[in-house]
């Protein structure tokens, strides 16, 4: 079944766990895929691993306007009009209370997670075909608070607000905009956060996170990517402005 046949998708954070898993699914479903990330070596490895001719990459910092303009331009030059935008890039920052949080790290989290998402929308939306789909990766942290990661939580809440504005603005063109809000995912970001919450016992931190999830485990990158595929496909053509927890019941 080729649910994305003849469609073009951009995936930011494309060399990371969720981005790469989504790229595999999108390409297997017939899409042309442009991966966007900071590290060229990681992007090359991802493209080689996926191993299909309908995938390319662009190195870009999503928080820099000119680089966002460039990845949109390169996508159009390579594949034509854009149908799907998986606005997925994000960083976690540090684990510190508000009173001790470094200002430079706060700014970096906001630059990537909020400004980067907004810039992606600003430049991709005009290049999209009507009837397209935009998926933004938020988090359960965009639905509730967690101590000691205030910039991350604030950024993921902000993404939900941006999504709702974009859904309303894009509705006349039948471009759908939604967020996916994952619980902890078994990937690099969670290794970093586990160490931040309990530097002496990362495994104990993982166990504490798992206790917060009714299904008792972290999500797999592929499980998040499957929801992104549903939202990218025409199967979700009446879903817009939605916040979709993929969290094993964590926010129930």
C-alpha atoms as a PDB file:
ATOM      1  CA  UNK A   1       0.000   0.000   0.000  1.00  0.00           C
ATOM      2  CA  UNK A   2       1.514   3.350  -1.059  1.00  0.00           C
ATOM      3  CA  UNK A   3      -0.246   5.862   1.148  1.00  0.00           C
ATOM      4  CA  UNK A   4       2.164   8.658   0.193  1.00  0.00           C
ATOM      5  CA  UNK A   5       2.637   7.834  -3.480  1.00  0.00           C
ATOM      6  CA  UNK A   6       3.732  10.850  -5.570  1.00  0.00           C
ATOM      7  CA  UNK A   7       4.023  13.007  -2.439  1.00  0.00           C
ATOM      8  CA  UNK A   8       7.047  14.908  -1.162  1.00  0.00           C
ATOM      9  CA  UNK A   9       7.852  15.145   2.538  1.00  0.00           C
ATOM     10  CA  UNK A  10      10.355  17.189   4.522  1.00  0.00           C
ATOM     11  CA  UNK A  11      11.468  15.771   7.872  1.00  0.00           C
ATOM     12  CA  UNK A  12      13.499  17.972  10.224  1.00  0.00           C
ATOM     13  CA  UNK A  13      15.504  16.233  12.896  1.00  0.00           C
ATOM     14  CA  UNK A  14      15.729  13.623  10.167  1.00  0.00           C
ATOM     15  CA  UNK A  15      18.837  11.857  11.442  1.00  0.00           C
ATOM     16  CA  UNK A  16      17.398  11.305  14.937  1.00  0.00           C
ATOM     17  CA  UNK A  17      15.398   8.335  16.142  1.00  0.00           C
ATOM     18  CA  UNK A  18      11.873   9.534  15.363  1.00  0.00           C
ATOM     19  CA  UNK A  19      12.897  11.379  12.200  1.00  0.00           C
ATOM     20  CA  UNK A  20      14.724   8.404  10.727  1.00  0.00           C
ATOM     21  CA  UNK A  21      11.917   6.005  11.640  1.00  0.00           C
ATOM     22  CA  UNK A  22       9.427   8.320   9.924  1.00  0.00           C
ATOM     23  CA  UNK A  23      11.669   8.599   6.864  1.00  0.00           C
ATOM     24  CA  UNK A  24      11.710   4.823   6.506  1.00  0.00           C
ATOM     25  CA  UNK A  25       7.917   4.599   6.724  1.00  0.00           C
ATOM     26  CA  UNK A  26       7.324   7.574   4.416  1.00  0.00           C
ATOM     27  CA  UNK A  27       9.752   6.281   1.773  1.00  0.00           C
ATOM     28  CA  UNK A  28       8.282   2.773   1.927  1.00  0.00           C
ATOM     29  CA  UNK A  29       4.849   4.309   1.375  1.00  0.00           C
ATOM     30  CA  UNK A  30       6.015   5.971  -1.845  1.00  0.00           C
ATOM     31  CA  UNK A  31       7.042   9.464  -0.708  1.00  0.00           C
ATOM     32  CA  UNK A  32      10.017  11.466  -1.855  1.00  0.00           C
ATOM     33  CA  UNK A  33      11.744  12.429   1.395  1.00  0.00           C
ATOM     34  CA  UNK A  34      14.102  15.287   2.224  1.00  0.00           C
ATOM     35  CA  UNK A  35      15.891  14.801   5.530  1.00  0.00           C
ATOM     36  CA  UNK A  36      17.074  17.914   7.371  1.00  0.00           C
ATOM     37  CA  UNK A  37      19.496  17.886  10.294  1.00  0.00           C
ATOM     38  CA  UNK A  38      22.650  19.532  11.647  1.00  0.00           C
ATOM     39  CA  UNK A  39      25.212  16.779  11.145  1.00  0.00           C
ATOM     40  CA  UNK A  40      26.062  15.704   7.602  1.00  0.00           C
ATOM     41  CA  UNK A  41      27.689  12.438   8.658  1.00  0.00           C
ATOM     42  CA  UNK A  42      24.552  11.413  10.568  1.00  0.00           C
ATOM     43  CA  UNK A  43      22.383  12.350   7.583  1.00  0.00           C
ATOM     44  CA  UNK A  44      24.558  10.334   5.193  1.00  0.00           C
ATOM     45  CA  UNK A  45      24.309   7.310   7.491  1.00  0.00           C
ATOM     46  CA  UNK A  46      20.526   7.668   7.660  1.00  0.00           C
ATOM     47  CA  UNK A  47      20.192   7.876   3.872  1.00  0.00           C
ATOM     48  CA  UNK A  48      22.469   4.851   3.408  1.00  0.00           C
ATOM     49  CA  UNK A  49      20.559   2.887   6.031  1.00  0.00           C
ATOM     50  CA  UNK A  50      17.201   3.625   4.427  1.00  0.00           C
ATOM     51  CA  UNK A  51      18.682   2.757   1.034  1.00  0.00           C
ATOM     52  CA  UNK A  52      15.999   3.989  -1.349  1.00  0.00           C
ATOM     53  CA  UNK A  53      16.517   6.342  -4.315  1.00  0.00           C
ATOM     54  CA  UNK A  54      13.659   8.642  -3.296  1.00  0.00           C
ATOM     55  CA  UNK A  55      15.460  10.128  -0.302  1.00  0.00           C
ATOM     56  CA  UNK A  56      17.913  13.043  -0.071  1.00  0.00           C
ATOM     57  CA  UNK A  57      19.246  15.305   2.643  1.00  0.00           C
ATOM     58  CA  UNK A  58      20.113  18.927   3.415  1.00  0.00           C
ATOM     59  CA  UNK A  59      22.299  20.091   6.299  1.00  0.00           C
ATOM     60  CA  UNK A  60      20.570  22.937   8.136  1.00  0.00           C
ATOM     61  CA  UNK A  61      20.103  24.597  11.503  1.00  0.00           C
ATOM     62  CA  UNK A  62      16.333  25.025  11.807  1.00  0.00           C
ATOM     63  CA  UNK A  63      16.776  28.106  14.002  1.00  0.00           C
ATOM     64  CA  UNK A  64      18.514  30.056  11.211  1.00  0.00           C
ATOM     65  CA  UNK A  65      16.245  31.749   8.712  1.00  0.00           C
ATOM     66  CA  UNK A  66      18.533  31.481   5.681  1.00  0.00           C
ATOM     67  CA  UNK A  67      19.148  27.791   6.262  1.00  0.00           C
ATOM     68  CA  UNK A  68      15.415  27.097   6.485  1.00  0.00           C
ATOM     69  CA  UNK A  69      14.874  29.012   3.242  1.00  0.00           C
ATOM     70  CA  UNK A  70      17.619  26.879   1.683  1.00  0.00           C
ATOM     71  CA  UNK A  71      16.191  23.491   2.679  1.00  0.00           C
ATOM     72  CA  UNK A  72      12.817  24.481   1.260  1.00  0.00           C
ATOM     73  CA  UNK A  73      14.504  25.592  -1.962  1.00  0.00           C
ATOM     74  CA  UNK A  74      16.548  22.381  -2.220  1.00  0.00           C
ATOM     75  CA  UNK A  75      13.453  20.258  -1.661  1.00  0.00           C
ATOM     76  CA  UNK A  76      11.558  22.010  -4.446  1.00  0.00           C
ATOM     77  CA  UNK A  77      14.542  21.707  -6.786  1.00  0.00           C
ATOM     78  CA  UNK A  78      14.872  17.997  -6.037  1.00  0.00           C
ATOM     79  CA  UNK A  79      11.259  16.871  -5.890  1.00  0.00           C
ATOM     80  CA  UNK A  80       8.890  19.711  -6.808  1.00  0.00           C
ATOM     81  CA  UNK A  81       6.045  20.885  -4.605  1.00  0.00           C
ATOM     82  CA  UNK A  82       5.835  19.862  -0.947  1.00  0.00           C
ATOM     83  CA  UNK A  83       2.931  17.826   0.425  1.00  0.00           C
ATOM     84  CA  UNK A  84       4.031  16.837   3.930  1.00  0.00           C
ATOM     85  CA  UNK A  85       6.118  18.655   6.524  1.00  0.00           C
ATOM     86  CA  UNK A  86       7.175  16.709   9.616  1.00  0.00           C
ATOM     87  CA  UNK A  87       8.384  19.634  11.739  1.00  0.00           C
ATOM     88  CA  UNK A  88      10.201  17.369  14.155  1.00  0.00           C
ATOM     89  CA  UNK A  89      13.558  18.855  15.196  1.00  0.00           C
ATOM     90  CA  UNK A  90      13.995  19.603  18.891  1.00  0.00           C
ATOM     91  CA  UNK A  91      16.467  19.597  21.770  1.00  0.00           C
ATOM     92  CA  UNK A  92      16.086  18.861  25.466  1.00  0.00           C
ATOM     93  CA  UNK A  93      18.418  21.376  27.120  1.00  0.00           C
ATOM     94  CA  UNK A  94      19.651  20.691  30.649  1.00  0.00           C
ATOM     95  CA  UNK A  95      18.041  19.414  33.844  1.00  0.00           C
ATOM     96  CA  UNK A  96      18.185  22.328  36.291  1.00  0.00           C
ATOM     97  CA  UNK A  97      15.679  24.260  38.446  1.00  0.00           C
ATOM     98  CA  UNK A  98      14.580  27.649  37.122  1.00  0.00           C
ATOM     99  CA  UNK A  99      16.753  29.494  39.636  1.00  0.00           C
ATOM    100  CA  UNK A 100      19.892  27.727  38.385  1.00  0.00           C
ATOM    101  CA  UNK A 101      19.084  27.355  34.690  1.00  0.00           C
ATOM    102  CA  UNK A 102      21.790  28.755  32.348  1.00  0.00           C
ATOM    103  CA  UNK A 103      20.445  31.609  30.240  1.00  0.00           C
ATOM    104  CA  UNK A 104      22.356  30.523  27.141  1.00  0.00           C
ATOM    105  CA  UNK A 105      20.843  27.038  27.282  1.00  0.00           C
ATOM    106  CA  UNK A 106      17.357  28.485  27.825  1.00  0.00           C
ATOM    107  CA  UNK A 107      17.822  30.609  24.703  1.00  0.00           C
ATOM    108  CA  UNK A 108      19.115  27.667  22.657  1.00  0.00           C
ATOM    109  CA  UNK A 109      16.103  25.514  23.571  1.00  0.00           C
ATOM    110  CA  UNK A 110      13.756  28.323  22.587  1.00  0.00           C
ATOM    111  CA  UNK A 111      15.649  28.999  19.367  1.00  0.00           C
ATOM    112  CA  UNK A 112      15.449  25.403  18.182  1.00  0.00           C
ATOM    113  CA  UNK A 113      12.140  24.234  19.617  1.00  0.00           C
ATOM    114  CA  UNK A 114      10.026  27.368  19.134  1.00  0.00           C
ATOM    115  CA  UNK A 115      11.728  29.639  16.621  1.00  0.00           C
ATOM    116  CA  UNK A 116      12.790  26.626  14.551  1.00  0.00           C
ATOM    117  CA  UNK A 117       9.238  25.285  14.353  1.00  0.00           C
ATOM    118  CA  UNK A 118       7.873  28.744  13.519  1.00  0.00           C
ATOM    119  CA  UNK A 119      10.483  29.383  10.810  1.00  0.00           C
ATOM    120  CA  UNK A 120       9.703  26.009   9.267  1.00  0.00           C
ATOM    121  CA  UNK A 121       6.047  26.912   9.034  1.00  0.00           C
ATOM    122  CA  UNK A 122       6.819  30.413   7.739  1.00  0.00           C
ATOM    123  CA  UNK A 123       8.804  29.110   4.776  1.00  0.00           C
ATOM    124  CA  UNK A 124       7.295  25.686   4.078  1.00  0.00           C
ATOM    125  CA  UNK A 125       3.617  26.705   4.047  1.00  0.00           C
ATOM    126  CA  UNK A 126       3.944  28.937   0.950  1.00  0.00           C
ATOM    127  CA  UNK A 127       5.734  26.088  -0.860  1.00  0.00           C
ATOM    128  CA  UNK A 128       3.120  23.452  -0.011  1.00  0.00           C
ATOM    129  CA  UNK A 129       0.441  22.143  -2.275  1.00  0.00           C
ATOM    130  CA  UNK A 130      -3.142  22.453  -1.124  1.00  0.00           C
ATOM    131  CA  UNK A 131      -4.476  19.415   0.754  1.00  0.00           C
ATOM    132  CA  UNK A 132      -1.133  18.891   2.476  1.00  0.00           C
ATOM    133  CA  UNK A 133      -0.284  17.916   6.029  1.00  0.00           C
ATOM    134  CA  UNK A 134       1.982  19.442   8.670  1.00  0.00           C
ATOM    135  CA  UNK A 135       2.931  17.395  11.716  1.00  0.00           C
ATOM    136  CA  UNK A 136       4.757  19.062  14.597  1.00  0.00           C
ATOM    137  CA  UNK A 137       6.510  17.063  17.308  1.00  0.00           C
ATOM    138  CA  UNK A 138       5.556  18.414  20.713  1.00  0.00           C
ATOM    139  CA  UNK A 139       5.619  16.196  23.821  1.00  0.00           C
ATOM    140  CA  UNK A 140       3.639  15.205  26.879  1.00  0.00           C
ATOM    141  CA  UNK A 141       5.698  18.109  28.252  1.00  0.00           C
ATOM    142  CA  UNK A 142       3.471  20.292  26.073  1.00  0.00           C
ATOM    143  CA  UNK A 143       0.461  19.119  28.080  1.00  0.00           C
ATOM    144  CA  UNK A 144       1.708  19.131  31.668  1.00  0.00           C
ATOM    145  CA  UNK A 145       4.583  20.368  33.811  1.00  0.00           C
ATOM    146  CA  UNK A 146       7.782  18.646  34.893  1.00  0.00           C
ATOM    147  CA  UNK A 147      10.171  20.117  37.435  1.00  0.00           C
ATOM    148  CA  UNK A 148      13.701  21.085  36.380  1.00  0.00           C
ATOM    149  CA  UNK A 149      13.140  21.186  32.608  1.00  0.00           C
ATOM    150  CA  UNK A 150      11.222  24.458  32.380  1.00  0.00           C
ATOM    151  CA  UNK A 151      12.579  25.639  28.996  1.00  0.00           C
ATOM    152  CA  UNK A 152      11.739  22.314  27.375  1.00  0.00           C
ATOM    153  CA  UNK A 153       8.251  22.291  28.892  1.00  0.00           C
ATOM    154  CA  UNK A 154       7.659  25.915  27.914  1.00  0.00           C
ATOM    155  CA  UNK A 155       8.837  25.282  24.363  1.00  0.00           C
ATOM    156  CA  UNK A 156       6.618  22.245  23.921  1.00  0.00           C
ATOM    157  CA  UNK A 157       3.580  24.165  25.209  1.00  0.00           C
ATOM    158  CA  UNK A 158       4.430  26.968  22.778  1.00  0.00           C
ATOM    159  CA  UNK A 159       4.492  24.516  19.886  1.00  0.00           C
ATOM    160  CA  UNK A 160       0.888  23.546  20.620  1.00  0.00           C
ATOM    161  CA  UNK A 161      -0.153  27.208  20.469  1.00  0.00           C
ATOM    162  CA  UNK A 162       1.694  27.743  17.203  1.00  0.00           C
ATOM    163  CA  UNK A 163       0.060  24.615  15.760  1.00  0.00           C
ATOM    164  CA  UNK A 164      -3.425  25.861  16.618  1.00  0.00           C
ATOM    165  CA  UNK A 165      -2.767  29.194  14.907  1.00  0.00           C
ATOM    166  CA  UNK A 166      -1.331  27.452  11.850  1.00  0.00           C
ATOM    167  CA  UNK A 167      -4.274  25.040  11.643  1.00  0.00           C
ATOM    168  CA  UNK A 168      -6.671  27.981  11.432  1.00  0.00           C
ATOM    169  CA  UNK A 169      -4.526  29.901   8.958  1.00  0.00           C
ATOM    170  CA  UNK A 170      -4.006  26.886   6.690  1.00  0.00           C
ATOM    171  CA  UNK A 171      -7.588  25.600   6.724  1.00  0.00           C
ATOM    172  CA  UNK A 172      -8.681  27.599   3.625  1.00  0.00           C
ATOM    173  CA  UNK A 173      -6.102  25.639   1.623  1.00  0.00           C
ATOM    174  CA  UNK A 174      -7.103  22.364   3.290  1.00  0.00           C
ATOM    175  CA  UNK A 175      -3.632  22.008   4.765  1.00  0.00           C
ATOM    176  CA  UNK A 176      -3.954  20.143   8.039  1.00  0.00           C
ATOM    177  CA  UNK A 177      -1.729  20.966  11.034  1.00  0.00           C
ATOM    178  CA  UNK A 178      -1.448  18.794  14.149  1.00  0.00           C
ATOM    179  CA  UNK A 179       0.953  17.987  16.973  1.00  0.00           C
ATOM    180  CA  UNK A 180       2.142  14.602  18.130  1.00  0.00           C
ATOM    181  CA  UNK A 181       2.822  14.572  21.876  1.00  0.00           C
ATOM    182  CA  UNK A 182       4.981  11.587  22.780  1.00  0.00           C
ATOM    183  CA  UNK A 183       5.803  10.282  26.222  1.00  0.00           C
ATOM    184  CA  UNK A 184       9.463   9.361  26.786  1.00  0.00           C
ATOM    185  CA  UNK A 185      10.839   7.611  23.708  1.00  0.00           C
ATOM    186  CA  UNK A 186      13.669   5.101  23.862  1.00  0.00           C
ATOM    187  CA  UNK A 187      16.268   7.245  22.113  1.00  0.00           C
ATOM    188  CA  UNK A 188      19.260   9.578  22.603  1.00  0.00           C
ATOM    189  CA  UNK A 189      17.219  12.391  24.139  1.00  0.00           C
ATOM    190  CA  UNK A 190      15.995  10.199  26.969  1.00  0.00           C
ATOM    191  CA  UNK A 191      19.518   8.931  27.689  1.00  0.00           C
ATOM    192  CA  UNK A 192      20.507  12.595  28.133  1.00  0.00           C
ATOM    193  CA  UNK A 193      17.518  13.370  30.365  1.00  0.00           C
ATOM    194  CA  UNK A 194      18.012  10.218  32.478  1.00  0.00           C
ATOM    195  CA  UNK A 195      21.577  11.289  33.156  1.00  0.00           C
ATOM    196  CA  UNK A 196      20.412  14.811  33.955  1.00  0.00           C
ATOM    197  CA  UNK A 197      17.809  13.653  36.461  1.00  0.00           C
ATOM    198  CA  UNK A 198      20.073  11.089  38.167  1.00  0.00           C
ATOM    199  CA  UNK A 199      23.733  11.312  37.086  1.00  0.00           C
ATOM    200  CA  UNK A 200      24.774   8.535  39.482  1.00  0.00           C
ATOM    201  CA  UNK A 201      22.052   6.064  38.497  1.00  0.00           C
ATOM    202  CA  UNK A 202      20.614   6.530  35.022  1.00  0.00           C
ATOM    203  CA  UNK A 203      18.829   3.169  35.174  1.00  0.00           C
ATOM    204  CA  UNK A 204      16.934   4.274  38.267  1.00  0.00           C
ATOM    205  CA  UNK A 205      15.862   7.454  36.469  1.00  0.00           C
ATOM    206  CA  UNK A 206      14.574   5.313  33.601  1.00  0.00           C
ATOM    207  CA  UNK A 207      12.586   3.159  36.015  1.00  0.00           C
ATOM    208  CA  UNK A 208      11.011   6.248  37.561  1.00  0.00           C
ATOM    209  CA  UNK A 209       9.959   7.533  34.148  1.00  0.00           C
ATOM    210  CA  UNK A 210       8.513   4.137  33.238  1.00  0.00           C
ATOM    211  CA  UNK A 211       6.440   4.119  36.436  1.00  0.00           C
ATOM    212  CA  UNK A 212       4.707   7.274  35.180  1.00  0.00           C
ATOM    213  CA  UNK A 213       3.510   5.476  32.024  1.00  0.00           C
ATOM    214  CA  UNK A 214       0.514   3.153  32.511  1.00  0.00           C
ATOM    215  CA  UNK A 215       1.757   0.797  29.778  1.00  0.00           C
ATOM    216  CA  UNK A 216       4.978   0.533  31.750  1.00  0.00           C
ATOM    217  CA  UNK A 217       7.594   1.301  29.120  1.00  0.00           C
ATOM    218  CA  UNK A 218       9.027   3.942  26.827  1.00  0.00           C
ATOM    219  CA  UNK A 219       7.671   4.373  23.326  1.00  0.00           C
ATOM    220  CA  UNK A 220       9.689   3.138  20.381  1.00  0.00           C
ATOM    221  CA  UNK A 221      10.612   5.648  17.671  1.00  0.00           C
ATOM    222  CA  UNK A 222       8.658   3.552  15.177  1.00  0.00           C
ATOM    223  CA  UNK A 223       5.484   3.879  17.256  1.00  0.00           C
ATOM    224  CA  UNK A 224       5.677   7.660  17.058  1.00  0.00           C
ATOM    225  CA  UNK A 225       6.517   7.495  13.347  1.00  0.00           C
ATOM    226  CA  UNK A 226       3.410   5.405  12.615  1.00  0.00           C
ATOM    227  CA  UNK A 227       1.216   8.174  13.998  1.00  0.00           C
ATOM    228  CA  UNK A 228       3.130  10.692  11.871  1.00  0.00           C
ATOM    229  CA  UNK A 229       2.453   8.491   8.834  1.00  0.00           C
ATOM    230  CA  UNK A 230      -1.267   8.424   9.613  1.00  0.00           C
ATOM    231  CA  UNK A 231      -1.319  12.223   9.880  1.00  0.00           C
ATOM    232  CA  UNK A 232       0.721  12.570   6.680  1.00  0.00           C
ATOM    233  CA  UNK A 233      -1.647  10.358   4.728  1.00  0.00           C
ATOM    234  CA  UNK A 234      -5.115  11.062   3.355  1.00  0.00           C
ATOM    235  CA  UNK A 235      -6.512   8.725   6.018  1.00  0.00           C
ATOM    236  CA  UNK A 236      -6.459  11.696   8.412  1.00  0.00           C
ATOM    237  CA  UNK A 237      -7.976  14.215   6.006  1.00  0.00           C
ATOM    238  CA  UNK A 238     -10.480  15.575   8.576  1.00  0.00           C
ATOM    239  CA  UNK A 239      -7.970  15.840  11.431  1.00  0.00           C
ATOM    240  CA  UNK A 240      -6.562  19.310  12.041  1.00  0.00           C
ATOM    241  CA  UNK A 241      -5.779  21.443  15.077  1.00  0.00           C
ATOM    242  CA  UNK A 242      -5.419  18.294  17.171  1.00  0.00           C
ATOM    243  CA  UNK A 243      -3.061  17.445  20.017  1.00  0.00           C
ATOM    244  CA  UNK A 244      -2.413  13.714  19.812  1.00  0.00           C
ATOM    245  CA  UNK A 245      -0.797  12.084  22.844  1.00  0.00           C
ATOM    246  CA  UNK A 246       1.216   8.975  21.950  1.00  0.00           C
ATOM    247  CA  UNK A 247       2.119   8.287  25.524  1.00  0.00           C
ATOM    248  CA  UNK A 248       1.058   4.860  26.766  1.00  0.00           C
ATOM    249  CA  UNK A 249      -1.622   6.536  28.894  1.00  0.00           C
ATOM    250  CA  UNK A 250       0.769   8.936  30.654  1.00  0.00           C
ATOM    251  CA  UNK A 251      -1.576  11.931  30.389  1.00  0.00           C
ATOM    252  CA  UNK A 252      -4.736   9.940  31.135  1.00  0.00           C
END
